[in-house]
Amino acid sequence: MGFFTKDIKTLNDLFVHTLRDIYYAEQQITKNLPDMIEKATDGSLKKGFETHLAETKNQIIRLEKVFKMHGVDATGVDCPAIDGILEEASDIAGDVDDKKVLDAALIAAAQAVEHYEITRYGTLIAWANMLGRSDCASVLQQNLDEEKATDQKLNAMALRGVNQKAA
């Protein structure tokens, strides 16, 4: 099912499709974070990625809860957007020899991922509320809050020293 296809007829269809999109995205992020942890040289960045990997695993569990609450199977749909963001991150990380610059690149890549997730969760929460599913919205809000906090932590790391070291 493509994002805007004849298979999406109602807001509920769109909600379920987007839920499956972020479910796939979170699974891909879980597969990619260990590589980012390995490549990071800044201790705080490495620890931040490790923490976010654990959070992401919990976010997947919450998404599975939302699927169950909403009465649909927990399955993902291919998400070319997150695939592209992760592929770009991997390409850039492979091209950077200076480890300090690499850390700055990893933060930028991680923030691109966070911003995608923030967008998806915000949309899903709005739609869940429109569909009368405040129960689903409250679970999704937990994920959104974590994504926003991670983005703020990454930004602080970049501004506190990683970017200056890279310069």
N, C-alpha and C. Protein backbone atom coordinates (compact mmCIF):
# COMPACT_ATOMS: atom_id res chain seq x y z
N MET A 1 0.85 -1.17 0.00
CA MET A 1 0.00 0.00 0.00
C MET A 1 0.90 1.23 0.00
N GLY A 2 0.83 2.06 -1.03
CA GLY A 2 1.56 3.31 -1.06
C GLY A 2 0.90 4.30 -0.12
N PHE A 3 1.59 5.39 0.19
CA PHE A 3 1.05 6.31 1.18
C PHE A 3 -0.29 6.89 0.75
N PHE A 4 -0.41 7.32 -0.48
CA PHE A 4 -1.69 7.88 -0.94
C PHE A 4 -2.25 6.97 -2.02
N THR A 5 -2.89 5.90 -1.61
CA THR A 5 -3.44 4.95 -2.56
C THR A 5 -4.93 4.80 -2.33
N LYS A 6 -5.53 4.08 -3.23
CA LYS A 6 -6.98 3.84 -3.11
C LYS A 6 -7.32 2.99 -1.88
N ASP A 7 -6.29 2.35 -1.28
CA ASP A 7 -6.53 1.54 -0.09
C ASP A 7 -6.82 2.39 1.14
N ILE A 8 -6.47 3.67 1.08
CA ILE A 8 -6.73 4.57 2.20
C ILE A 8 -7.96 5.39 1.85
N LYS A 9 -9.07 5.06 2.53
CA LYS A 9 -10.34 5.71 2.22
C LYS A 9 -10.83 6.59 3.37
N THR A 10 -10.39 6.27 4.58
CA THR A 10 -10.90 6.99 5.76
C THR A 10 -9.72 7.46 6.61
N LEU A 11 -10.04 8.32 7.55
CA LEU A 11 -9.01 8.77 8.50
C LEU A 11 -8.49 7.58 9.30
N ASN A 12 -9.37 6.65 9.61
CA ASN A 12 -8.93 5.45 10.32
C ASN A 12 -7.91 4.66 9.49
N ASP A 13 -8.17 4.50 8.19
CA ASP A 13 -7.22 3.82 7.31
C ASP A 13 -5.88 4.54 7.32
N LEU A 14 -5.92 5.85 7.26
CA LEU A 14 -4.71 6.66 7.25
C LEU A 14 -3.97 6.52 8.59
N PHE A 15 -4.71 6.52 9.68
CA PHE A 15 -4.13 6.33 11.01
C PHE A 15 -3.40 4.99 11.08
N VAL A 16 -4.06 3.92 10.67
CA VAL A 16 -3.45 2.59 10.74
C VAL A 16 -2.22 2.52 9.84
N HIS A 17 -2.32 3.07 8.64
CA HIS A 17 -1.18 3.06 7.73
C HIS A 17 0.02 3.80 8.34
N THR A 18 -0.23 4.95 8.92
CA THR A 18 0.85 5.75 9.49
C THR A 18 1.40 5.09 10.75
N LEU A 19 0.54 4.42 11.50
CA LEU A 19 0.99 3.64 12.65
C LEU A 19 1.94 2.53 12.18
N ARG A 20 1.60 1.89 11.08
CA ARG A 20 2.46 0.84 10.53
C ARG A 20 3.76 1.42 9.98
N ASP A 21 3.70 2.63 9.47
CA ASP A 21 4.88 3.33 8.98
C ASP A 21 5.87 3.58 10.12
N ILE A 22 5.39 4.13 11.24
CA ILE A 22 6.29 4.43 12.35
C ILE A 22 6.76 3.15 13.04
N TYR A 23 5.95 2.11 13.01
CA TYR A 23 6.35 0.81 13.56
C TYR A 23 7.54 0.27 12.77
N TYR A 24 7.45 0.32 11.46
CA TYR A 24 8.57 -0.08 10.60
C TYR A 24 9.79 0.80 10.89
N ALA A 25 9.56 2.11 10.98
CA ALA A 25 10.66 3.05 11.21
C ALA A 25 11.38 2.73 12.51
N GLU A 26 10.63 2.51 13.58
CA GLU A 26 11.25 2.21 14.87
C GLU A 26 12.07 0.91 14.80
N GLN A 27 11.57 -0.07 14.07
CA GLN A 27 12.32 -1.32 13.92
C GLN A 27 13.63 -1.09 13.16
N GLN A 28 13.58 -0.26 12.12
CA GLN A 28 14.79 0.03 11.35
C GLN A 28 15.79 0.82 12.20
N ILE A 29 15.29 1.72 13.01
CA ILE A 29 16.15 2.51 13.89
C ILE A 29 16.85 1.58 14.89
N THR A 30 16.11 0.61 15.42
CA THR A 30 16.69 -0.35 16.35
C THR A 30 17.82 -1.14 15.69
N LYS A 31 17.68 -1.43 14.41
CA LYS A 31 18.72 -2.16 13.69
C LYS A 31 19.93 -1.28 13.40
N ASN A 32 19.73 0.03 13.26
CA ASN A 32 20.82 0.93 12.88
C ASN A 32 21.55 1.57 14.07
N LEU A 33 20.89 1.70 15.20
CA LEU A 33 21.53 2.35 16.35
C LEU A 33 22.81 1.65 16.82
N PRO A 34 22.89 0.32 16.84
CA PRO A 34 24.14 -0.31 17.27
C PRO A 34 25.36 0.14 16.44
N ASP A 35 25.17 0.35 15.15
CA ASP A 35 26.26 0.83 14.30
C ASP A 35 26.65 2.26 14.69
N MET A 36 25.66 3.09 15.00
CA MET A 36 25.94 4.45 15.42
C MET A 36 26.65 4.46 16.77
N ILE A 37 26.26 3.57 17.66
CA ILE A 37 26.93 3.44 18.96
C ILE A 37 28.40 3.08 18.75
N GLU A 38 28.62 2.14 17.88
CA GLU A 38 29.99 1.68 17.61
C GLU A 38 30.86 2.79 17.01
N LYS A 39 30.28 3.60 16.12
CA LYS A 39 31.05 4.64 15.44
C LYS A 39 31.27 5.89 16.30
N ALA A 40 30.39 6.16 17.25
CA ALA A 40 30.52 7.36 18.08
C ALA A 40 31.78 7.26 18.94
N THR A 41 32.52 8.37 19.02
CA THR A 41 33.71 8.40 19.86
C THR A 41 33.51 9.25 21.11
N ASP A 42 32.60 10.22 21.06
CA ASP A 42 32.28 11.03 22.23
C ASP A 42 31.53 10.15 23.22
N GLY A 43 32.00 10.11 24.45
CA GLY A 43 31.41 9.25 25.47
C GLY A 43 29.95 9.55 25.75
N SER A 44 29.61 10.83 25.82
CA SER A 44 28.21 11.21 26.07
C SER A 44 27.32 10.82 24.91
N LEU A 45 27.83 10.97 23.70
CA LEU A 45 27.05 10.60 22.52
C LEU A 45 26.81 9.10 22.48
N LYS A 46 27.86 8.34 22.74
CA LYS A 46 27.74 6.88 22.76
C LYS A 46 26.70 6.45 23.79
N LYS A 47 26.79 7.04 24.99
CA LYS A 47 25.84 6.70 26.06
C LYS A 47 24.43 7.13 25.68
N GLY A 48 24.30 8.29 25.04
CA GLY A 48 22.99 8.76 24.60
C GLY A 48 22.36 7.82 23.59
N PHE A 49 23.16 7.33 22.66
CA PHE A 49 22.65 6.38 21.67
C PHE A 49 22.24 5.07 22.34
N GLU A 50 23.02 4.62 23.34
CA GLU A 50 22.67 3.39 24.05
C GLU A 50 21.33 3.55 24.79
N THR A 51 21.16 4.70 25.42
CA THR A 51 19.91 4.98 26.12
C THR A 51 18.75 5.00 25.14
N HIS A 52 18.97 5.64 24.00
CA HIS A 52 17.88 5.75 23.03
C HIS A 52 17.55 4.40 22.40
N LEU A 53 18.52 3.52 22.28
CA LEU A 53 18.23 2.18 21.78
C LEU A 53 17.26 1.47 22.73
N ALA A 54 17.50 1.58 24.03
CA ALA A 54 16.59 0.97 25.01
C ALA A 54 15.21 1.62 24.93
N GLU A 55 15.18 2.95 24.79
CA GLU A 55 13.90 3.65 24.66
C GLU A 55 13.15 3.21 23.40
N THR A 56 13.88 3.05 22.31
CA THR A 56 13.25 2.67 21.05
C THR A 56 12.61 1.29 21.16
N LYS A 57 13.27 0.39 21.84
CA LYS A 57 12.70 -0.94 22.06
C LYS A 57 11.39 -0.83 22.86
N ASN A 58 11.36 0.05 23.85
CA ASN A 58 10.13 0.27 24.61
C ASN A 58 9.06 0.95 23.75
N GLN A 59 9.48 1.83 22.86
CA GLN A 59 8.52 2.49 21.97
C GLN A 59 7.86 1.47 21.05
N ILE A 60 8.60 0.49 20.60
CA ILE A 60 8.02 -0.57 19.77
C ILE A 60 6.96 -1.33 20.56
N ILE A 61 7.26 -1.61 21.82
CA ILE A 61 6.29 -2.31 22.67
C ILE A 61 5.02 -1.46 22.84
N ARG A 62 5.20 -0.15 23.01
CA ARG A 62 4.03 0.73 23.12
C ARG A 62 3.23 0.74 21.82
N LEU A 63 3.93 0.77 20.68
CA LEU A 63 3.22 0.74 19.40
C LEU A 63 2.41 -0.55 19.27
N GLU A 64 2.98 -1.66 19.69
CA GLU A 64 2.25 -2.93 19.64
C GLU A 64 1.01 -2.87 20.53
N LYS A 65 1.12 -2.16 21.64
CA LYS A 65 -0.03 -1.96 22.52
C LYS A 65 -1.12 -1.16 21.80
N VAL A 66 -0.71 -0.11 21.07
CA VAL A 66 -1.67 0.72 20.34
C VAL A 66 -2.35 -0.11 19.25
N PHE A 67 -1.58 -0.92 18.53
CA PHE A 67 -2.19 -1.80 17.52
C PHE A 67 -3.26 -2.67 18.17
N LYS A 68 -2.92 -3.28 19.31
CA LYS A 68 -3.86 -4.17 19.99
C LYS A 68 -5.09 -3.39 20.46
N MET A 69 -4.88 -2.22 21.05
CA MET A 69 -5.99 -1.40 21.52
C MET A 69 -6.92 -1.02 20.37
N HIS A 70 -6.32 -0.80 19.21
CA HIS A 70 -7.08 -0.37 18.04
C HIS A 70 -7.67 -1.55 17.25
N GLY A 71 -7.28 -2.77 17.63
CA GLY A 71 -7.87 -3.96 17.02
C GLY A 71 -7.31 -4.31 15.65
N VAL A 72 -6.04 -3.96 15.40
CA VAL A 72 -5.41 -4.30 14.12
C VAL A 72 -4.08 -5.00 14.38
N ASP A 73 -3.64 -5.76 13.39
CA ASP A 73 -2.37 -6.48 13.50
C ASP A 73 -1.20 -5.51 13.54
N ALA A 74 -0.23 -5.85 14.36
CA ALA A 74 1.00 -5.06 14.47
C ALA A 74 1.94 -5.48 13.34
N THR A 75 1.83 -4.78 12.24
CA THR A 75 2.73 -5.02 11.10
C THR A 75 3.23 -3.68 10.58
N GLY A 76 4.40 -3.73 10.00
CA GLY A 76 4.97 -2.51 9.44
C GLY A 76 4.72 -2.44 7.95
N VAL A 77 4.86 -1.24 7.42
CA VAL A 77 4.86 -1.02 5.97
C VAL A 77 6.16 -0.32 5.63
N ASP A 78 6.70 -0.64 4.48
CA ASP A 78 7.94 0.00 4.07
C ASP A 78 7.81 1.52 4.15
N CYS A 79 8.85 2.13 4.66
CA CYS A 79 8.88 3.58 4.81
C CYS A 79 10.12 4.12 4.10
N PRO A 80 9.97 4.52 2.84
CA PRO A 80 11.12 5.03 2.11
C PRO A 80 11.76 6.24 2.77
N ALA A 81 11.00 7.03 3.50
CA ALA A 81 11.56 8.22 4.15
C ALA A 81 12.60 7.83 5.19
N ILE A 82 12.25 6.93 6.11
CA ILE A 82 13.22 6.55 7.16
C ILE A 82 14.35 5.76 6.55
N ASP A 83 14.07 4.94 5.54
CA ASP A 83 15.14 4.20 4.87
C ASP A 83 16.15 5.18 4.28
N GLY A 84 15.66 6.25 3.66
CA GLY A 84 16.54 7.24 3.06
C GLY A 84 17.36 7.99 4.10
N ILE A 85 16.72 8.38 5.20
CA ILE A 85 17.43 9.09 6.27
C ILE A 85 18.53 8.20 6.84
N LEU A 86 18.21 6.94 7.09
CA LEU A 86 19.20 6.02 7.66
C LEU A 86 20.31 5.70 6.67
N GLU A 87 19.97 5.57 5.40
CA GLU A 87 20.98 5.31 4.38
C GLU A 87 21.94 6.50 4.26
N GLU A 88 21.38 7.69 4.28
CA GLU A 88 22.22 8.89 4.22
C GLU A 88 23.16 8.95 5.42
N ALA A 89 22.65 8.64 6.60
CA ALA A 89 23.47 8.64 7.81
C ALA A 89 24.62 7.65 7.69
N SER A 90 24.32 6.48 7.18
CA SER A 90 25.35 5.46 7.00
C SER A 90 26.39 5.89 5.98
N ASP A 91 25.93 6.47 4.88
CA ASP A 91 26.86 6.95 3.84
C ASP A 91 27.80 8.02 4.38
N ILE A 92 27.23 9.00 5.08
CA ILE A 92 28.05 10.10 5.61
C ILE A 92 29.03 9.57 6.64
N ALA A 93 28.57 8.69 7.52
CA ALA A 93 29.44 8.14 8.55
C ALA A 93 30.59 7.35 7.94
N GLY A 94 30.33 6.73 6.80
CA GLY A 94 31.38 5.97 6.13
C GLY A 94 32.39 6.84 5.42
N ASP A 95 32.03 8.10 5.15
CA ASP A 95 32.89 9.01 4.41
C ASP A 95 33.75 9.91 5.29
N VAL A 96 33.50 9.94 6.60
CA VAL A 96 34.18 10.88 7.49
C VAL A 96 35.32 10.17 8.21
N ASP A 97 36.55 10.67 7.99
CA ASP A 97 37.72 10.08 8.65
C ASP A 97 38.00 10.68 10.02
N ASP A 98 37.79 11.99 10.15
CA ASP A 98 38.05 12.68 11.41
C ASP A 98 36.95 12.30 12.41
N LYS A 99 37.33 11.65 13.50
CA LYS A 99 36.36 11.13 14.47
C LYS A 99 35.54 12.24 15.12
N LYS A 100 36.11 13.41 15.29
CA LYS A 100 35.36 14.51 15.90
C LYS A 100 34.28 15.01 14.93
N VAL A 101 34.62 15.05 13.66
CA VAL A 101 33.64 15.43 12.63
C VAL A 101 32.58 14.33 12.51
N LEU A 102 33.02 13.10 12.64
CA LEU A 102 32.09 11.97 12.58
C LEU A 102 31.03 12.09 13.68
N ASP A 103 31.44 12.44 14.89
CA ASP A 103 30.47 12.59 15.99
C ASP A 103 29.44 13.68 15.65
N ALA A 104 29.90 14.79 15.08
CA ALA A 104 28.97 15.86 14.69
C ALA A 104 28.01 15.35 13.61
N ALA A 105 28.53 14.57 12.67
CA ALA A 105 27.69 14.01 11.60
C ALA A 105 26.67 13.04 12.17
N LEU A 106 27.09 12.24 13.14
CA LEU A 106 26.16 11.28 13.76
C LEU A 106 25.04 12.00 14.50
N ILE A 107 25.37 13.10 15.18
CA ILE A 107 24.33 13.86 15.86
C ILE A 107 23.34 14.42 14.84
N ALA A 108 23.86 14.98 13.75
CA ALA A 108 22.97 15.54 12.72
C ALA A 108 22.07 14.46 12.14
N ALA A 109 22.63 13.29 11.88
CA ALA A 109 21.84 12.18 11.33
C ALA A 109 20.77 11.73 12.33
N ALA A 110 21.16 11.63 13.60
CA ALA A 110 20.21 11.21 14.63
C ALA A 110 19.09 12.23 14.78
N GLN A 111 19.41 13.51 14.66
CA GLN A 111 18.37 14.53 14.76
C GLN A 111 17.42 14.47 13.57
N ALA A 112 17.92 14.13 12.40
CA ALA A 112 17.02 13.96 11.24
C ALA A 112 16.03 12.84 11.52
N VAL A 113 16.51 11.76 12.11
CA VAL A 113 15.63 10.64 12.48
C VAL A 113 14.61 11.10 13.52
N GLU A 114 15.08 11.80 14.55
CA GLU A 114 14.18 12.27 15.61
C GLU A 114 13.09 13.17 15.05
N HIS A 115 13.47 14.06 14.15
CA HIS A 115 12.47 14.99 13.60
C HIS A 115 11.42 14.24 12.78
N TYR A 116 11.83 13.21 12.07
CA TYR A 116 10.85 12.39 11.35
C TYR A 116 9.88 11.74 12.34
N GLU A 117 10.44 11.17 13.40
CA GLU A 117 9.59 10.50 14.38
C GLU A 117 8.66 11.49 15.08
N ILE A 118 9.16 12.66 15.42
CA ILE A 118 8.34 13.68 16.07
C ILE A 118 7.16 14.04 15.18
N THR A 119 7.42 14.20 13.90
CA THR A 119 6.34 14.52 12.94
C THR A 119 5.29 13.42 12.91
N ARG A 120 5.73 12.18 12.81
CA ARG A 120 4.80 11.06 12.73
C ARG A 120 3.97 10.93 14.01
N TYR A 121 4.64 10.98 15.16
CA TYR A 121 3.90 10.82 16.41
C TYR A 121 2.91 11.96 16.62
N GLY A 122 3.31 13.18 16.31
CA GLY A 122 2.39 14.31 16.46
C GLY A 122 1.14 14.14 15.61
N THR A 123 1.33 13.69 14.39
CA THR A 123 0.21 13.45 13.48
C THR A 123 -0.68 12.32 14.01
N LEU A 124 -0.05 11.23 14.42
CA LEU A 124 -0.82 10.09 14.93
C LEU A 124 -1.65 10.47 16.17
N ILE A 125 -1.08 11.28 17.05
CA ILE A 125 -1.81 11.70 18.25
C ILE A 125 -3.03 12.53 17.85
N ALA A 126 -2.84 13.45 16.92
CA ALA A 126 -3.96 14.28 16.46
C ALA A 126 -5.06 13.42 15.85
N TRP A 127 -4.67 12.48 15.00
CA TRP A 127 -5.66 11.61 14.36
C TRP A 127 -6.35 10.70 15.36
N ALA A 128 -5.57 10.15 16.31
CA ALA A 128 -6.17 9.28 17.33
C ALA A 128 -7.24 10.05 18.10
N ASN A 129 -6.94 11.27 18.46
CA ASN A 129 -7.93 12.09 19.17
C ASN A 129 -9.15 12.36 18.31
N MET A 130 -8.96 12.64 17.02
CA MET A 130 -10.08 12.87 16.11
C MET A 130 -10.95 11.62 15.97
N LEU A 131 -10.32 10.46 16.06
CA LEU A 131 -11.04 9.20 15.93
C LEU A 131 -11.67 8.75 17.26
N GLY A 132 -11.54 9.60 18.30
CA GLY A 132 -12.09 9.24 19.60
C GLY A 132 -11.25 8.22 20.35
N ARG A 133 -9.97 8.12 19.99
CA ARG A 133 -9.08 7.15 20.60
C ARG A 133 -8.04 7.85 21.47
N SER A 134 -8.53 8.55 22.49
CA SER A 134 -7.62 9.23 23.40
C SER A 134 -6.74 8.22 24.14
N ASP A 135 -7.22 6.98 24.28
CA ASP A 135 -6.42 5.93 24.91
C ASP A 135 -5.17 5.67 24.08
N CYS A 136 -5.33 5.57 22.76
CA CYS A 136 -4.19 5.37 21.87
C CYS A 136 -3.30 6.61 21.87
N ALA A 137 -3.93 7.78 21.86
CA ALA A 137 -3.17 9.04 21.83
C ALA A 137 -2.26 9.15 23.06
N SER A 138 -2.74 8.74 24.21
CA SER A 138 -1.92 8.88 25.42
C SER A 138 -0.71 7.96 25.39
N VAL A 139 -0.86 6.78 24.80
CA VAL A 139 0.29 5.88 24.67
C VAL A 139 1.29 6.46 23.66
N LEU A 140 0.78 6.95 22.54
CA LEU A 140 1.64 7.56 21.52
C LEU A 140 2.34 8.80 22.07
N GLN A 141 1.68 9.53 22.96
CA GLN A 141 2.28 10.73 23.56
C GLN A 141 3.55 10.39 24.33
N GLN A 142 3.58 9.23 24.97
CA GLN A 142 4.78 8.81 25.69
C GLN A 142 5.96 8.70 24.73
N ASN A 143 5.71 8.12 23.55
CA ASN A 143 6.77 8.01 22.55
C ASN A 143 7.21 9.39 22.06
N LEU A 144 6.22 10.25 21.79
CA LEU A 144 6.54 11.60 21.32
C LEU A 144 7.38 12.35 22.35
N ASP A 145 7.02 12.24 23.61
CA ASP A 145 7.78 12.93 24.66
C ASP A 145 9.23 12.45 24.69
N GLU A 146 9.44 11.15 24.54
CA GLU A 146 10.81 10.62 24.52
C GLU A 146 11.58 11.11 23.30
N GLU A 147 10.92 11.15 22.15
CA GLU A 147 11.60 11.62 20.93
C GLU A 147 12.02 13.08 21.07
N LYS A 148 11.13 13.90 21.62
CA LYS A 148 11.46 15.32 21.81
C LYS A 148 12.61 15.47 22.80
N ALA A 149 12.60 14.69 23.86
CA ALA A 149 13.68 14.76 24.85
C ALA A 149 15.02 14.33 24.24
N THR A 150 14.98 13.30 23.42
CA THR A 150 16.21 12.85 22.76
C THR A 150 16.74 13.92 21.83
N ASP A 151 15.86 14.55 21.07
CA ASP A 151 16.28 15.62 20.18
C ASP A 151 16.93 16.76 20.97
N GLN A 152 16.34 17.12 22.10
CA GLN A 152 16.91 18.19 22.93
C GLN A 152 18.28 17.80 23.48
N LYS A 153 18.44 16.55 23.88
CA LYS A 153 19.72 16.08 24.40
C LYS A 153 20.79 16.09 23.30
N LEU A 154 20.40 15.66 22.10
CA LEU A 154 21.35 15.69 20.98
C LEU A 154 21.77 17.12 20.66
N ASN A 155 20.82 18.01 20.66
CA ASN A 155 21.10 19.42 20.38
C ASN A 155 22.06 19.99 21.43
N ALA A 156 21.79 19.67 22.68
CA ALA A 156 22.65 20.16 23.76
C ALA A 156 24.07 19.60 23.62
N MET A 157 24.21 18.33 23.29
CA MET A 157 25.53 17.73 23.09
C MET A 157 26.29 18.43 21.97
N ALA A 158 25.58 18.69 20.89
CA ALA A 158 26.21 19.35 19.75
C ALA A 158 26.70 20.74 20.15
N LEU A 159 25.84 21.49 20.82
CA LEU A 159 26.18 22.87 21.19
C LEU A 159 27.18 22.96 22.33
N ARG A 160 27.19 21.98 23.22
CA ARG A 160 28.10 22.00 24.37
C ARG A 160 29.52 21.62 24.00
N GLY A 161 29.74 21.02 22.86
CA GLY A 161 31.12 20.68 22.61
C GLY A 161 31.42 19.88 21.36
N VAL A 162 30.51 19.03 20.95
CA VAL A 162 30.81 18.16 19.81
C VAL A 162 31.07 18.99 18.54
N ASN A 163 30.24 19.98 18.30
CA ASN A 163 30.44 20.80 17.10
C ASN A 163 31.73 21.62 17.19
N GLN A 164 32.04 22.15 18.39
CA GLN A 164 33.28 22.92 18.54
C GLN A 164 34.50 22.04 18.32
N LYS A 165 34.48 20.82 18.83
CA LYS A 165 35.59 19.90 18.62
C LYS A 165 35.74 19.58 17.13
N ALA A 166 34.62 19.46 16.44
CA ALA A 166 34.67 19.14 15.01
C ALA A 166 35.23 20.31 14.19
N ALA A 167 35.00 21.53 14.69
CA ALA A 167 35.47 22.73 13.96
C ALA A 167 36.99 22.82 14.06
